[in-house]
Amino acid sequence: MPAGYWTTWGGHFEQLQSAAKRLQIVVPVALLLVFLLLFVTFGNLKDGLLVFTGVPFALTGGILALWLRDIPLSISAGVGFIALSGVAVLNGLVMISFIRKLRRGRKRSMKRSSRAR
């Protein structure tokens, strides 16, 4: 290449690079915010961590599905992983809420039966 000329990438490639850099920040921040919301919702670290443990399993399954289908990890896949994390958290949230409801009902029935004795 003659002196004074240089090569730069533009267009879609440049946009892909900037979006990938943005996702490197957005995905961890989104997961941290989800965990903080879980902590605030439950009021304790144990239940928040219990619900949040579903996220790595969901992400592992998503990466495995991409690998099996021979699909590259793209920007749309990254956004999909954020949505997948939300679904995993929602499932865990419903499970913990149901378990808490069952425990409350069990305590009430134990109190009633002890009064009856």
PDB file of N, CA and C in Angstrom:
ATOM      1  N   MET A   1       0.854  -1.165   0.000  1.00  0.00           N
ATOM      2  CA  MET A   1       0.000   0.000   0.000  1.00  0.00           C
ATOM      3  C   MET A   1       0.912   1.244   0.000  1.00  0.00           C
ATOM      4  N   PRO A   2       0.623   2.214  -0.828  1.00  0.00           N
ATOM      5  CA  PRO A   2       1.463   3.407  -0.894  1.00  0.00           C
ATOM      6  C   PRO A   2       1.444   4.209   0.409  1.00  0.00           C
ATOM      7  N   ALA A   3       2.460   4.995   0.617  1.00  0.00           N
ATOM      8  CA  ALA A   3       2.549   5.831   1.818  1.00  0.00           C
ATOM      9  C   ALA A   3       1.379   6.809   1.850  1.00  0.00           C
ATOM     10  N   GLY A   4       0.848   7.047   3.032  1.00  0.00           N
ATOM     11  CA  GLY A   4      -0.264   7.973   3.186  1.00  0.00           C
ATOM     12  C   GLY A   4      -1.623   7.294   3.126  1.00  0.00           C
ATOM     13  N   TYR A   5      -1.692   5.999   2.830  1.00  0.00           N
ATOM     14  CA  TYR A   5      -2.947   5.243   2.798  1.00  0.00           C
ATOM     15  C   TYR A   5      -3.041   4.362   4.045  1.00  0.00           C
ATOM     16  N   TRP A   6      -4.249   4.103   4.501  1.00  0.00           N
ATOM     17  CA  TRP A   6      -4.450   3.211   5.631  1.00  0.00           C
ATOM     18  C   TRP A   6      -5.757   2.463   5.454  1.00  0.00           C
ATOM     19  N   THR A   7      -5.907   1.414   6.235  1.00  0.00           N
ATOM     20  CA  THR A   7      -7.098   0.576   6.143  1.00  0.00           C
ATOM     21  C   THR A   7      -7.912   0.733   7.425  1.00  0.00           C
ATOM     22  N   THR A   8      -9.166   1.017   7.283  1.00  0.00           N
ATOM     23  CA  THR A   8     -10.093   1.037   8.425  1.00  0.00           C
ATOM     24  C   THR A   8     -11.340   0.261   8.031  1.00  0.00           C
ATOM     25  N   TRP A   9     -11.955  -0.320   9.029  1.00  0.00           N
ATOM     26  CA  TRP A   9     -13.187  -1.068   8.793  1.00  0.00           C
ATOM     27  C   TRP A   9     -14.362  -0.175   9.148  1.00  0.00           C
ATOM     28  N   GLY A  10     -15.379  -0.248   8.376  1.00  0.00           N
ATOM     29  CA  GLY A  10     -16.567   0.557   8.627  1.00  0.00           C
ATOM     30  C   GLY A  10     -17.815  -0.253   8.327  1.00  0.00           C
ATOM     31  N   GLY A  11     -18.927   0.395   8.393  1.00  0.00           N
ATOM     32  CA  GLY A  11     -20.195  -0.253   8.057  1.00  0.00           C
ATOM     33  C   GLY A  11     -20.623  -1.256   9.113  1.00  0.00           C
ATOM     34  N   HIS A  12     -21.086  -2.406   8.666  1.00  0.00           N
ATOM     35  CA  HIS A  12     -21.622  -3.434   9.561  1.00  0.00           C
ATOM     36  C   HIS A  12     -20.563  -3.970  10.507  1.00  0.00           C
ATOM     37  N   PHE A  13     -19.348  -4.150  10.032  1.00  0.00           N
ATOM     38  CA  PHE A  13     -18.291  -4.681  10.882  1.00  0.00           C
ATOM     39  C   PHE A  13     -18.009  -3.742  12.052  1.00  0.00           C
ATOM     40  N   GLU A  14     -17.959  -2.456  11.776  1.00  0.00           N
ATOM     41  CA  GLU A  14     -17.707  -1.477  12.826  1.00  0.00           C
ATOM     42  C   GLU A  14     -18.856  -1.459  13.833  1.00  0.00           C
ATOM     43  N   GLN A  15     -20.066  -1.543  13.343  1.00  0.00           N
ATOM     44  CA  GLN A  15     -21.226  -1.568  14.229  1.00  0.00           C
ATOM     45  C   GLN A  15     -21.235  -2.833  15.083  1.00  0.00           C
ATOM     46  N   LEU A  16     -20.840  -3.945  14.504  1.00  0.00           N
ATOM     47  CA  LEU A  16     -20.772  -5.204  15.250  1.00  0.00           C
ATOM     48  C   LEU A  16     -19.750  -5.109  16.367  1.00  0.00           C
ATOM     49  N   GLN A  17     -18.608  -4.517  16.091  1.00  0.00           N
ATOM     50  CA  GLN A  17     -17.585  -4.371  17.123  1.00  0.00           C
ATOM     51  C   GLN A  17     -18.062  -3.463  18.254  1.00  0.00           C
ATOM     52  N   SER A  18     -18.678  -2.345  17.934  1.00  0.00           N
ATOM     53  CA  SER A  18     -19.144  -1.434  18.993  1.00  0.00           C
ATOM     54  C   SER A  18     -20.287  -2.064  19.792  1.00  0.00           C
ATOM     55  N   ALA A  19     -21.147  -2.814  19.135  1.00  0.00           N
ATOM     56  CA  ALA A  19     -22.243  -3.478  19.853  1.00  0.00           C
ATOM     57  C   ALA A  19     -21.699  -4.569  20.770  1.00  0.00           C
ATOM     58  N   ALA A  20     -20.684  -5.291  20.321  1.00  0.00           N
ATOM     59  CA  ALA A  20     -20.082  -6.325  21.159  1.00  0.00           C
ATOM     60  C   ALA A  20     -19.431  -5.706  22.396  1.00  0.00           C
ATOM     61  N   LYS A  21     -18.781  -4.559  22.229  1.00  0.00           N
ATOM     62  CA  LYS A  21     -18.181  -3.872  23.378  1.00  0.00           C
ATOM     63  C   LYS A  21     -19.261  -3.411  24.352  1.00  0.00           C
ATOM     64  N   ARG A  22     -20.361  -2.916  23.821  1.00  0.00           N
ATOM     65  CA  ARG A  22     -21.464  -2.479  24.672  1.00  0.00           C
ATOM     66  C   ARG A  22     -22.069  -3.651  25.432  1.00  0.00           C
ATOM     67  N   LEU A  23     -22.222  -4.782  24.759  1.00  0.00           N
ATOM     68  CA  LEU A  23     -22.800  -5.958  25.424  1.00  0.00           C
ATOM     69  C   LEU A  23     -21.894  -6.488  26.531  1.00  0.00           C
ATOM     70  N   GLN A  24     -20.585  -6.303  26.406  1.00  0.00           N
ATOM     71  CA  GLN A  24     -19.668  -6.731  27.463  1.00  0.00           C
ATOM     72  C   GLN A  24     -19.916  -5.956  28.747  1.00  0.00           C
ATOM     73  N   ILE A  25     -20.503  -4.794  28.632  1.00  0.00           N
ATOM     74  CA  ILE A  25     -20.840  -4.000  29.812  1.00  0.00           C
ATOM     75  C   ILE A  25     -22.294  -4.237  30.216  1.00  0.00           C
ATOM     76  N   VAL A  26     -23.180  -4.271  29.246  1.00  0.00           N
ATOM     77  CA  VAL A  26     -24.617  -4.337  29.527  1.00  0.00           C
ATOM     78  C   VAL A  26     -25.028  -5.665  30.158  1.00  0.00           C
ATOM     79  N   VAL A  27     -24.505  -6.779  29.669  1.00  0.00           N
ATOM     80  CA  VAL A  27     -24.924  -8.086  30.186  1.00  0.00           C
ATOM     81  C   VAL A  27     -24.563  -8.248  31.665  1.00  0.00           C
ATOM     82  N   PRO A  28     -23.316  -8.012  32.090  1.00  0.00           N
ATOM     83  CA  PRO A  28     -23.038  -8.134  33.533  1.00  0.00           C
ATOM     84  C   PRO A  28     -23.824  -7.149  34.388  1.00  0.00           C
ATOM     85  N   VAL A  29     -24.012  -5.929  33.895  1.00  0.00           N
ATOM     86  CA  VAL A  29     -24.787  -4.941  34.658  1.00  0.00           C
ATOM     87  C   VAL A  29     -26.239  -5.406  34.792  1.00  0.00           C
ATOM     88  N   ALA A  30     -26.807  -5.945  33.723  1.00  0.00           N
ATOM     89  CA  ALA A  30     -28.194  -6.435  33.775  1.00  0.00           C
ATOM     90  C   ALA A  30     -28.319  -7.592  34.766  1.00  0.00           C
ATOM     91  N   LEU A  31     -27.364  -8.514  34.754  1.00  0.00           N
ATOM     92  CA  LEU A  31     -27.416  -9.639  35.684  1.00  0.00           C
ATOM     93  C   LEU A  31     -27.246  -9.164  37.128  1.00  0.00           C
ATOM     94  N   LEU A  32     -26.384  -8.188  37.341  1.00  0.00           N
ATOM     95  CA  LEU A  32     -26.208  -7.640  38.683  1.00  0.00           C
ATOM     96  C   LEU A  32     -27.486  -6.953  39.168  1.00  0.00           C
ATOM     97  N   LEU A  33     -28.137  -6.207  38.289  1.00  0.00           N
ATOM     98  CA  LEU A  33     -29.393  -5.554  38.663  1.00  0.00           C
ATOM     99  C   LEU A  33     -30.484  -6.574  38.980  1.00  0.00           C
ATOM    100  N   VAL A  34     -30.527  -7.654  38.212  1.00  0.00           N
ATOM    101  CA  VAL A  34     -31.504  -8.711  38.488  1.00  0.00           C
ATOM    102  C   VAL A  34     -31.248  -9.307  39.866  1.00  0.00           C
ATOM    103  N   PHE A  35     -29.964  -9.565  40.172  1.00  0.00           N
ATOM    104  CA  PHE A  35     -29.652 -10.121  41.495  1.00  0.00           C
ATOM    105  C   PHE A  35     -30.015  -9.140  42.612  1.00  0.00           C
ATOM    106  N   LEU A  36     -29.741  -7.864  42.412  1.00  0.00           N
ATOM    107  CA  LEU A  36     -30.100  -6.877  43.434  1.00  0.00           C
ATOM    108  C   LEU A  36     -31.612  -6.803  43.642  1.00  0.00           C
ATOM    109  N   LEU A  37     -32.359  -6.891  42.546  1.00  0.00           N
ATOM    110  CA  LEU A  37     -33.818  -6.904  42.677  1.00  0.00           C
ATOM    111  C   LEU A  37     -34.305  -8.141  43.428  1.00  0.00           C
ATOM    112  N   LEU A  38     -33.673  -9.276  43.180  1.00  0.00           N
ATOM    113  CA  LEU A  38     -34.038 -10.492  43.917  1.00  0.00           C
ATOM    114  C   LEU A  38     -33.734 -10.331  45.396  1.00  0.00           C
ATOM    115  N   PHE A  39     -32.590  -9.750  45.695  1.00  0.00           N
ATOM    116  CA  PHE A  39     -32.219  -9.535  47.096  1.00  0.00           C
ATOM    117  C   PHE A  39     -33.221  -8.619  47.785  1.00  0.00           C
ATOM    118  N   VAL A  40     -33.619  -7.559  47.105  1.00  0.00           N
ATOM    119  CA  VAL A  40     -34.602  -6.627  47.680  1.00  0.00           C
ATOM    120  C   VAL A  40     -35.960  -7.315  47.819  1.00  0.00           C
ATOM    121  N   THR A  41     -36.335  -8.129  46.847  1.00  0.00           N
ATOM    122  CA  THR A  41     -37.637  -8.802  46.879  1.00  0.00           C
ATOM    123  C   THR A  41     -37.737  -9.766  48.052  1.00  0.00           C
ATOM    124  N   PHE A  42     -36.718 -10.604  48.229  1.00  0.00           N
ATOM    125  CA  PHE A  42     -36.777 -11.626  49.271  1.00  0.00           C
ATOM    126  C   PHE A  42     -36.295 -11.121  50.618  1.00  0.00           C
ATOM    127  N   GLY A  43     -35.451 -10.117  50.631  1.00  0.00           N
ATOM    128  CA  GLY A  43     -34.955  -9.594  51.893  1.00  0.00           C
ATOM    129  C   GLY A  43     -33.835 -10.411  52.506  1.00  0.00           C
ATOM    130  N   ASN A  44     -33.403 -11.466  51.829  1.00  0.00           N
ATOM    131  CA  ASN A  44     -32.254 -12.219  52.323  1.00  0.00           C
ATOM    132  C   ASN A  44     -31.422 -12.724  51.150  1.00  0.00           C
ATOM    133  N   LEU A  45     -30.182 -12.994  51.442  1.00  0.00           N
ATOM    134  CA  LEU A  45     -29.236 -13.388  50.404  1.00  0.00           C
ATOM    135  C   LEU A  45     -29.469 -14.821  49.939  1.00  0.00           C
ATOM    136  N   LYS A  46     -29.903 -15.681  50.859  1.00  0.00           N
ATOM    137  CA  LYS A  46     -30.061 -17.111  50.550  1.00  0.00           C
ATOM    138  C   LYS A  46     -31.080 -17.347  49.433  1.00  0.00           C
ATOM    139  N   ASP A  47     -32.261 -16.778  49.571  1.00  0.00           N
ATOM    140  CA  ASP A  47     -33.291 -16.981  48.548  1.00  0.00           C
ATOM    141  C   ASP A  47     -32.920 -16.312  47.230  1.00  0.00           C
ATOM    142  N   GLY A  48     -32.288 -15.143  47.311  1.00  0.00           N
ATOM    143  CA  GLY A  48     -31.847 -14.472  46.093  1.00  0.00           C
ATOM    144  C   GLY A  48     -30.825 -15.308  45.334  1.00  0.00           C
ATOM    145  N   LEU A  49     -29.865 -15.888  46.061  1.00  0.00           N
ATOM    146  CA  LEU A  49     -28.872 -16.758  45.414  1.00  0.00           C
ATOM    147  C   LEU A  49     -29.509 -18.031  44.879  1.00  0.00           C
ATOM    148  N   LEU A  50     -30.472 -18.553  45.622  1.00  0.00           N
ATOM    149  CA  LEU A  50     -31.150 -19.780  45.185  1.00  0.00           C
ATOM    150  C   LEU A  50     -31.862 -19.573  43.850  1.00  0.00           C
ATOM    151  N   VAL A  51     -32.544 -18.459  43.719  1.00  0.00           N
ATOM    152  CA  VAL A  51     -33.228 -18.162  42.459  1.00  0.00           C
ATOM    153  C   VAL A  51     -32.207 -17.877  41.355  1.00  0.00           C
ATOM    154  N   PHE A  52     -31.153 -17.154  41.702  1.00  0.00           N
ATOM    155  CA  PHE A  52     -30.170 -16.749  40.703  1.00  0.00           C
ATOM    156  C   PHE A  52     -29.327 -17.923  40.190  1.00  0.00           C
ATOM    157  N   THR A  53     -29.305 -19.040  40.916  1.00  0.00           N
ATOM    158  CA  THR A  53     -28.529 -20.189  40.443  1.00  0.00           C
ATOM    159  C   THR A  53     -29.109 -20.790  39.166  1.00  0.00           C
ATOM    160  N   GLY A  54     -30.344 -20.491  38.863  1.00  0.00           N
ATOM    161  CA  GLY A  54     -30.922 -20.980  37.612  1.00  0.00           C
ATOM    162  C   GLY A  54     -30.351 -20.293  36.383  1.00  0.00           C
ATOM    163  N   VAL A  55     -29.804 -19.096  36.548  1.00  0.00           N
ATOM    164  CA  VAL A  55     -29.276 -18.328  35.417  1.00  0.00           C
ATOM    165  C   VAL A  55     -28.078 -19.012  34.755  1.00  0.00           C
ATOM    166  N   PRO A  56     -27.049 -19.451  35.504  1.00  0.00           N
ATOM    167  CA  PRO A  56     -25.929 -20.124  34.825  1.00  0.00           C
ATOM    168  C   PRO A  56     -26.348 -21.397  34.099  1.00  0.00           C
ATOM    169  N   PHE A  57     -27.300 -22.131  34.669  1.00  0.00           N
ATOM    170  CA  PHE A  57     -27.772 -23.334  33.992  1.00  0.00           C
ATOM    171  C   PHE A  57     -28.491 -22.996  32.694  1.00  0.00           C
ATOM    172  N   ALA A  58     -29.290 -21.939  32.722  1.00  0.00           N
ATOM    173  CA  ALA A  58     -29.990 -21.518  31.506  1.00  0.00           C
ATOM    174  C   ALA A  58     -29.003 -21.046  30.448  1.00  0.00           C
ATOM    175  N   LEU A  59     -27.996 -20.274  30.860  1.00  0.00           N
ATOM    176  CA  LEU A  59     -26.996 -19.798  29.904  1.00  0.00           C
ATOM    177  C   LEU A  59     -26.178 -20.947  29.328  1.00  0.00           C
ATOM    178  N   THR A  60     -25.859 -21.925  30.166  1.00  0.00           N
ATOM    179  CA  THR A  60     -25.136 -23.102  29.677  1.00  0.00           C
ATOM    180  C   THR A  60     -25.962 -23.847  28.634  1.00  0.00           C
ATOM    181  N   GLY A  61     -27.247 -23.992  28.891  1.00  0.00           N
ATOM    182  CA  GLY A  61     -28.122 -24.645  27.917  1.00  0.00           C
ATOM    183  C   GLY A  61     -28.224 -23.851  26.625  1.00  0.00           C
ATOM    184  N   GLY A  62     -28.263 -22.520  26.735  1.00  0.00           N
ATOM    185  CA  GLY A  62     -28.316 -21.676  25.537  1.00  0.00           C
ATOM    186  C   GLY A  62     -27.048 -21.782  24.709  1.00  0.00           C
ATOM    187  N   ILE A  63     -25.896 -21.790  25.370  1.00  0.00           N
ATOM    188  CA  ILE A  63     -24.626 -21.931  24.646  1.00  0.00           C
ATOM    189  C   ILE A  63     -24.536 -23.318  24.009  1.00  0.00           C
ATOM    190  N   LEU A  64     -24.992 -24.327  24.718  1.00  0.00           N
ATOM    191  CA  LEU A  64     -24.998 -25.675  24.150  1.00  0.00           C
ATOM    192  C   LEU A  64     -25.905 -25.748  22.922  1.00  0.00           C
ATOM    193  N   ALA A  65     -27.058 -25.106  22.988  1.00  0.00           N
ATOM    194  CA  ALA A  65     -27.968 -25.091  21.839  1.00  0.00           C
ATOM    195  C   ALA A  65     -27.345 -24.368  20.646  1.00  0.00           C
ATOM    196  N   LEU A  66     -26.654 -23.257  20.899  1.00  0.00           N
ATOM    197  CA  LEU A  66     -25.961 -22.561  19.806  1.00  0.00           C
ATOM    198  C   LEU A  66     -24.888 -23.450  19.201  1.00  0.00           C
ATOM    199  N   TRP A  67     -24.157 -24.151  20.057  1.00  0.00           N
ATOM    200  CA  TRP A  67     -23.085 -25.028  19.573  1.00  0.00           C
ATOM    201  C   TRP A  67     -23.650 -26.195  18.757  1.00  0.00           C
ATOM    202  N   LEU A  68     -24.735 -26.793  19.240  1.00  0.00           N
ATOM    203  CA  LEU A  68     -25.339 -27.920  18.517  1.00  0.00           C
ATOM    204  C   LEU A  68     -25.873 -27.503  17.154  1.00  0.00           C
ATOM    205  N   ARG A  69     -26.394 -26.306  17.062  1.00  0.00           N
ATOM    206  CA  ARG A  69     -26.933 -25.809  15.792  1.00  0.00           C
ATOM    207  C   ARG A  69     -25.875 -25.129  14.937  1.00  0.00           C
ATOM    208  N   ASP A  70     -24.646 -25.044  15.452  1.00  0.00           N
ATOM    209  CA  ASP A  70     -23.516 -24.420  14.754  1.00  0.00           C
ATOM    210  C   ASP A  70     -23.825 -22.954  14.399  1.00  0.00           C
ATOM    211  N   ILE A  71     -24.371 -22.244  15.389  1.00  0.00           N
ATOM    212  CA  ILE A  71     -24.709 -20.836  15.228  1.00  0.00           C
ATOM    213  C   ILE A  71     -23.685 -20.021  16.019  1.00  0.00           C
ATOM    214  N   PRO A  72     -23.107 -18.991  15.423  1.00  0.00           N
ATOM    215  CA  PRO A  72     -22.121 -18.183  16.167  1.00  0.00           C
ATOM    216  C   PRO A  72     -22.787 -17.325  17.231  1.00  0.00           C
ATOM    217  N   LEU A  73     -22.007 -16.973  18.244  1.00  0.00           N
ATOM    218  CA  LEU A  73     -22.500 -16.095  19.294  1.00  0.00           C
ATOM    219  C   LEU A  73     -22.526 -14.670  18.743  1.00  0.00           C
ATOM    220  N   SER A  74     -23.719 -14.173  18.484  1.00  0.00           N
ATOM    221  CA  SER A  74     -23.876 -12.868  17.853  1.00  0.00           C
ATOM    222  C   SER A  74     -24.524 -11.889  18.830  1.00  0.00           C
ATOM    223  N   ILE A  75     -24.762 -10.690  18.354  1.00  0.00           N
ATOM    224  CA  ILE A  75     -25.411  -9.671  19.171  1.00  0.00           C
ATOM    225  C   ILE A  75     -26.838 -10.099  19.515  1.00  0.00           C
ATOM    226  N   SER A  76     -27.549 -10.624  18.550  1.00  0.00           N
ATOM    227  CA  SER A  76     -28.925 -11.058  18.819  1.00  0.00           C
ATOM    228  C   SER A  76     -28.945 -12.226  19.806  1.00  0.00           C
ATOM    229  N   ALA A  77     -27.940 -13.090  19.738  1.00  0.00           N
ATOM    230  CA  ALA A  77     -27.851 -14.184  20.706  1.00  0.00           C
ATOM    231  C   ALA A  77     -27.571 -13.632  22.102  1.00  0.00           C
ATOM    232  N   GLY A  78     -26.742 -12.591  22.203  1.00  0.00           N
ATOM    233  CA  GLY A  78     -26.482 -11.964  23.498  1.00  0.00           C
ATOM    234  C   GLY A  78     -27.723 -11.351  24.104  1.00  0.00           C
ATOM    235  N   VAL A  79     -28.519 -10.692  23.282  1.00  0.00           N
ATOM    236  CA  VAL A  79     -29.780 -10.129  23.760  1.00  0.00           C
ATOM    237  C   VAL A  79     -30.728 -11.264  24.163  1.00  0.00           C
ATOM    238  N   GLY A  80     -30.711 -12.337  23.409  1.00  0.00           N
ATOM    239  CA  GLY A  80     -31.521 -13.506  23.756  1.00  0.00           C
ATOM    240  C   GLY A  80     -31.112 -14.111  25.088  1.00  0.00           C
ATOM    241  N   PHE A  81     -29.807 -14.091  25.389  1.00  0.00           N
ATOM    242  CA  PHE A  81     -29.338 -14.607  26.666  1.00  0.00           C
ATOM    243  C   PHE A  81     -29.826 -13.743  27.830  1.00  0.00           C
ATOM    244  N   ILE A  82     -29.937 -12.445  27.616  1.00  0.00           N
ATOM    245  CA  ILE A  82     -30.495 -11.578  28.654  1.00  0.00           C
ATOM    246  C   ILE A  82     -31.958 -11.955  28.904  1.00  0.00           C
ATOM    247  N   ALA A  83     -32.718 -12.176  27.836  1.00  0.00           N
ATOM    248  CA  ALA A  83     -34.119 -12.577  27.980  1.00  0.00           C
ATOM    249  C   ALA A  83     -34.223 -13.957  28.629  1.00  0.00           C
ATOM    250  N   LEU A  84     -33.329 -14.864  28.254  1.00  0.00           N
ATOM    251  CA  LEU A  84     -33.314 -16.204  28.840  1.00  0.00           C
ATOM    252  C   LEU A  84     -33.031 -16.137  30.335  1.00  0.00           C
ATOM    253  N   SER A  85     -32.152 -15.247  30.730  1.00  0.00           N
ATOM    254  CA  SER A  85     -31.871 -15.066  32.152  1.00  0.00           C
ATOM    255  C   SER A  85     -33.119 -14.585  32.887  1.00  0.00           C
ATOM    256  N   GLY A  86     -33.871 -13.706  32.255  1.00  0.00           N
ATOM    257  CA  GLY A  86     -35.111 -13.233  32.861  1.00  0.00           C
ATOM    258  C   GLY A  86     -36.123 -14.343  33.052  1.00  0.00           C
ATOM    259  N   VAL A  87     -36.219 -15.217  32.082  1.00  0.00           N
ATOM    260  CA  VAL A  87     -37.152 -16.351  32.188  1.00  0.00           C
ATOM    261  C   VAL A  87     -36.709 -17.296  33.302  1.00  0.00           C
ATOM    262  N   ALA A  88     -35.401 -17.555  33.393  1.00  0.00           N
ATOM    263  CA  ALA A  88     -34.885 -18.431  34.442  1.00  0.00           C
ATOM    264  C   ALA A  88     -35.150 -17.838  35.824  1.00  0.00           C
ATOM    265  N   VAL A  89     -34.968 -16.532  35.961  1.00  0.00           N
ATOM    266  CA  VAL A  89     -35.230 -15.875  37.243  1.00  0.00           C
ATOM    267  C   VAL A  89     -36.718 -15.917  37.570  1.00  0.00           C
ATOM    268  N   LEU A  90     -37.555 -15.700  36.580  1.00  0.00           N
ATOM    269  CA  LEU A  90     -39.001 -15.741  36.819  1.00  0.00           C
ATOM    270  C   LEU A  90     -39.432 -17.136  37.282  1.00  0.00           C
ATOM    271  N   ASN A  91     -38.902 -18.179  36.673  1.00  0.00           N
ATOM    272  CA  ASN A  91     -39.238 -19.538  37.096  1.00  0.00           C
ATOM    273  C   ASN A  91     -38.807 -19.779  38.538  1.00  0.00           C
ATOM    274  N   GLY A  92     -37.603 -19.342  38.876  1.00  0.00           N
ATOM    275  CA  GLY A  92     -37.131 -19.505  40.251  1.00  0.00           C
ATOM    276  C   GLY A  92     -37.946 -18.693  41.233  1.00  0.00           C
ATOM    277  N   LEU A  93     -38.350 -17.499  40.834  1.00  0.00           N
ATOM    278  CA  LEU A  93     -39.162 -16.637  41.693  1.00  0.00           C
ATOM    279  C   LEU A  93     -40.518 -17.274  41.984  1.00  0.00           C
ATOM    280  N   VAL A  94     -41.124 -17.838  40.965  1.00  0.00           N
ATOM    281  CA  VAL A  94     -42.409 -18.521  41.158  1.00  0.00           C
ATOM    282  C   VAL A  94     -42.237 -19.730  42.077  1.00  0.00           C
ATOM    283  N   MET A  95     -41.148 -20.466  41.892  1.00  0.00           N
ATOM    284  CA  MET A  95     -40.904 -21.649  42.721  1.00  0.00           C
ATOM    285  C   MET A  95     -40.713 -21.265  44.192  1.00  0.00           C
ATOM    286  N   ILE A  96     -39.891 -20.253  44.459  1.00  0.00           N
ATOM    287  CA  ILE A  96     -39.648 -19.836  45.843  1.00  0.00           C
ATOM    288  C   ILE A  96     -40.921 -19.281  46.474  1.00  0.00           C
ATOM    289  N   SER A  97     -41.690 -18.518  45.724  1.00  0.00           N
ATOM    290  CA  SER A  97     -42.948 -17.976  46.253  1.00  0.00           C
ATOM    291  C   SER A  97     -43.917 -19.098  46.605  1.00  0.00           C
ATOM    292  N   PHE A  98     -43.992 -20.110  45.762  1.00  0.00           N
ATOM    293  CA  PHE A  98     -44.887 -21.238  46.031  1.00  0.00           C
ATOM    294  C   PHE A  98     -44.421 -22.022  47.258  1.00  0.00           C
ATOM    295  N   ILE A  99     -43.114 -22.217  47.389  1.00  0.00           N
ATOM    296  CA  ILE A  99     -42.598 -22.939  48.557  1.00  0.00           C
ATOM    297  C   ILE A  99     -42.892 -22.157  49.833  1.00  0.00           C
ATOM    298  N   ARG A 100     -42.706 -20.839  49.791  1.00  0.00           N
ATOM    299  CA  ARG A 100     -43.026 -20.010  50.965  1.00  0.00           C
ATOM    300  C   ARG A 100     -44.508 -20.104  51.318  1.00  0.00           C
ATOM    301  N   LYS A 101     -45.364 -20.098  50.308  1.00  0.00           N
ATOM    302  CA  LYS A 101     -46.804 -20.200  50.549  1.00  0.00           C
ATOM    303  C   LYS A 101     -47.147 -21.540  51.197  1.00  0.00           C
ATOM    304  N   LEU A 102     -46.540 -22.611  50.714  1.00  0.00           N
ATOM    305  CA  LEU A 102     -46.791 -23.927  51.306  1.00  0.00           C
ATOM    306  C   LEU A 102     -46.309 -23.984  52.753  1.00  0.00           C
ATOM    307  N   ARG A 103     -45.163 -23.375  53.038  1.00  0.00           N
ATOM    308  CA  ARG A 103     -44.647 -23.376  54.405  1.00  0.00           C
ATOM    309  C   ARG A 103     -45.570 -22.603  55.343  1.00  0.00           C
ATOM    310  N   ARG A 104     -46.094 -21.462  54.879  1.00  0.00           N
ATOM    311  CA  ARG A 104     -47.014 -20.693  55.716  1.00  0.00           C
ATOM    312  C   ARG A 104     -48.275 -21.498  56.004  1.00  0.00           C
ATOM    313  N   GLY A 105     -48.799 -22.176  54.980  1.00  0.00           N
ATOM    314  CA  GLY A 105     -49.995 -22.988  55.172  1.00  0.00           C
ATOM    315  C   GLY A 105     -49.737 -24.142  56.120  1.00  0.00           C
ATOM    316  N   ARG A 106     -48.557 -24.697  56.066  1.00  0.00           N
ATOM    317  CA  ARG A 106     -48.196 -25.811  56.943  1.00  0.00           C
ATOM    318  C   ARG A 106     -48.102 -25.336  58.384  1.00  0.00           C
ATOM    319  N   LYS A 107     -47.527 -24.150  58.600  1.00  0.00           N
ATOM    320  CA  LYS A 107     -47.419 -23.617  59.955  1.00  0.00           C
ATOM    321  C   LYS A 107     -48.799 -23.345  60.533  1.00  0.00           C
ATOM    322  N   ARG A 108     -49.707 -22.806  59.704  1.00  0.00           N
ATOM    323  CA  ARG A 108     -51.071 -22.529  60.174  1.00  0.00           C
ATOM    324  C   ARG A 108     -51.781 -23.815  60.553  1.00  0.00           C
ATOM    325  N   SER A 109     -51.636 -24.863  59.725  1.00  0.00           N
ATOM    326  CA  SER A 109     -52.308 -26.114  60.020  1.00  0.00           C
ATOM    327  C   SER A 109     -51.717 -26.767  61.265  1.00  0.00           C
ATOM    328  N   MET A 110     -50.423 -26.582  61.495  1.00  0.00           N
ATOM    329  CA  MET A 110     -49.802 -27.128  62.699  1.00  0.00           C
ATOM    330  C   MET A 110     -50.333 -26.412  63.938  1.00  0.00           C
ATOM    331  N   LYS A 111     -50.526 -25.089  63.834  1.00  0.00           N
ATOM    332  CA  LYS A 111     -51.079 -24.326  64.966  1.00  0.00           C
ATOM    333  C   LYS A 111     -52.499 -24.751  65.272  1.00  0.00           C
ATOM    334  N   ARG A 112     -53.301 -24.945  64.197  1.00  0.00           N
ATOM    335  CA  ARG A 112     -54.690 -25.378  64.383  1.00  0.00           C
ATOM    336  C   ARG A 112     -54.757 -26.747  65.030  1.00  0.00           C
ATOM    337  N   SER A 113     -53.925 -27.658  64.562  1.00  0.00           N
ATOM    338  CA  SER A 113     -53.968 -29.013  65.128  1.00  0.00           C
ATOM    339  C   SER A 113     -53.459 -29.039  66.554  1.00  0.00           C
ATOM    340  N   SER A 114     -52.508 -28.178  66.907  1.00  0.00           N
ATOM    341  CA  SER A 114     -52.032 -28.150  68.288  1.00  0.00           C
ATOM    342  C   SER A 114     -53.089 -27.558  69.207  1.00  0.00           C
ATOM    343  N   ARG A 115     -53.872 -26.594  68.734  1.00  0.00           N
ATOM    344  CA  ARG A 115     -54.977 -26.040  69.525  1.00  0.00           C
ATOM    345  C   ARG A 115     -56.070 -27.078  69.747  1.00  0.00           C
ATOM    346  N   ALA A 116     -56.299 -27.878  68.724  1.00  0.00           N
ATOM    347  CA  ALA A 116     -57.358 -28.888  68.810  1.00  0.00           C
ATOM    348  C   ALA A 116     -57.004 -29.953  69.845  1.00  0.00           C
ATOM    349  N   ARG A 117     -55.732 -30.257  70.012  1.00  0.00           N
ATOM    350  CA  ARG A 117     -55.338 -31.252  71.001  1.00  0.00           C
ATOM    351  C   ARG A 117     -55.603 -30.717  72.369  1.00  0.00           C
TER     352      ARG A 117
END
